[in-house]
Amino acid sequence: MNTAPQPRVRRRMFMILAIIIFLAVFPVAAALGAYTIADAAGCRLNEAEVNPCIVLRADVGEWLMVFGLMGWLGIASLPLGAMGVAIWLIAALFLYLRGRRNRSPA
């Protein structure tokens, strides 16, 4: 007896989980990436002002500041992402148990 959910439902659930994790982690990863690029280019990066930063003959200082500020969004996105994963786990457990109950023993 196979108690696994249908492949379409399983695929959709894992897509939802991937979206939740991406939205939770992206702001922090973007900020870390911005600070890493600024450090590698020898630029100063802060949240108060745009500092010039030349990377590959282009000034990316404004973009680095924007992505650096996304770190503050991580203060909200990480806990909300954790709650989203908890809700996802409850929904996945519910779907698993519902699918298991609906299958008749053959």
Protein backbone atom coordinates (compact mmCIF):
# COMPACT_ATOMS: atom_id res chain seq x y z
CA MET A 1 0.00 0.00 0.00
CA ASN A 2 1.44 3.33 -1.10
CA THR A 3 0.66 6.19 1.30
CA ALA A 4 2.58 8.90 -0.58
CA PRO A 5 0.62 11.92 -1.81
CA GLN A 6 -0.01 12.34 -5.50
CA PRO A 7 3.03 13.57 -7.46
CA ARG A 8 1.34 16.83 -8.47
CA VAL A 9 0.45 17.69 -4.88
CA ARG A 10 3.93 16.74 -3.69
CA ARG A 11 5.56 18.86 -6.40
CA ARG A 12 3.35 21.83 -5.55
CA MET A 13 4.10 21.51 -1.84
CA PHE A 14 7.85 21.48 -2.45
CA MET A 15 7.55 24.48 -4.79
CA ILE A 16 5.75 26.37 -2.00
CA LEU A 17 8.47 25.36 0.46
CA ALA A 18 11.19 26.56 -1.93
CA ILE A 19 9.42 29.91 -2.38
CA ILE A 20 9.05 30.36 1.40
CA ILE A 21 12.74 29.61 1.99
CA PHE A 22 13.86 31.84 -0.89
CA LEU A 23 11.78 34.81 0.32
CA ALA A 24 13.06 34.34 3.88
CA VAL A 25 16.75 34.01 3.03
CA PHE A 26 17.11 36.35 0.01
CA PRO A 27 17.37 39.66 1.93
CA VAL A 28 20.13 38.36 4.19
CA ALA A 29 21.98 36.68 1.31
CA ALA A 30 21.73 39.87 -0.78
CA ALA A 31 23.17 41.97 2.06
CA LEU A 32 26.01 39.50 2.63
CA GLY A 33 26.72 39.49 -1.10
CA ALA A 34 26.77 43.29 -1.23
CA TYR A 35 29.20 43.54 1.65
CA THR A 36 31.39 40.82 0.11
CA ILE A 37 31.52 42.59 -3.26
CA ALA A 38 32.25 45.94 -1.62
CA ASP A 39 35.02 44.40 0.47
CA ALA A 40 36.56 42.64 -2.53
CA ALA A 41 36.49 45.88 -4.56
CA GLY A 42 37.96 47.89 -1.68
CA CYS A 43 34.88 50.10 -1.40
CA ARG A 44 33.20 51.58 1.63
CA LEU A 45 29.59 50.49 2.11
CA ASN A 46 27.22 52.01 4.62
CA GLU A 47 23.51 52.65 4.90
CA ALA A 48 23.67 56.42 5.23
CA GLU A 49 24.92 57.39 1.79
CA VAL A 50 25.89 56.10 -1.62
CA ASN A 51 29.64 55.70 -1.95
CA PRO A 52 31.25 55.27 -5.36
CA CYS A 53 32.38 51.72 -6.03
CA ILE A 54 33.86 50.80 -9.39
CA VAL A 55 33.52 47.13 -10.36
CA LEU A 56 34.37 46.11 -13.93
CA ARG A 57 34.46 49.79 -15.01
CA ALA A 58 30.93 50.44 -13.73
CA ASP A 59 29.84 52.31 -10.63
CA VAL A 60 27.76 49.88 -8.58
CA GLY A 61 27.74 51.89 -5.36
CA GLU A 62 24.01 52.60 -5.48
CA TRP A 63 23.12 48.94 -6.09
CA LEU A 64 25.43 47.82 -3.30
CA MET A 65 23.74 50.24 -0.91
CA VAL A 66 20.28 48.96 -1.91
CA PHE A 67 21.29 45.34 -1.43
CA GLY A 68 23.14 46.21 1.77
CA LEU A 69 19.95 47.73 3.17
CA MET A 70 18.10 44.47 2.49
CA GLY A 71 19.83 43.06 5.54
CA TRP A 72 17.41 45.04 7.66
CA LEU A 73 14.55 43.30 5.87
CA GLY A 74 16.02 40.04 7.13
CA ILE A 75 14.99 41.01 10.64
CA ALA A 76 11.41 40.41 9.55
CA SER A 77 11.85 37.88 6.74
CA LEU A 78 13.70 35.21 8.72
CA PRO A 79 11.11 34.87 11.54
CA LEU A 80 8.24 35.08 9.03
CA GLY A 81 9.95 32.43 6.93
CA ALA A 82 10.29 30.19 9.98
CA MET A 83 6.57 30.60 10.67
CA GLY A 84 5.86 29.85 7.00
CA VAL A 85 7.90 26.64 7.19
CA ALA A 86 6.03 25.64 10.36
CA ILE A 87 2.68 26.22 8.64
CA TRP A 88 3.96 24.30 5.62
CA LEU A 89 4.91 21.36 7.86
CA ILE A 90 1.43 21.31 9.39
CA ALA A 91 -0.17 21.42 5.94
CA ALA A 92 2.13 18.66 4.64
CA LEU A 93 1.31 16.47 7.65
CA PHE A 94 -2.41 17.11 7.14
CA LEU A 95 -2.20 16.17 3.45
CA TYR A 96 -0.19 13.06 4.26
CA LEU A 97 -2.63 11.88 6.92
CA ARG A 98 -5.65 12.70 4.75
CA GLY A 99 -4.18 10.74 1.83
CA ARG A 100 -3.37 7.83 4.10
CA ARG A 101 -6.88 7.76 5.54
CA ASN A 102 -8.57 8.01 2.11
CA ARG A 103 -6.75 4.95 0.74
CA SER A 104 -8.63 1.81 1.52
CA PRO A 105 -6.62 -1.26 2.54
CA ALA A 106 -6.65 -3.56 -0.48
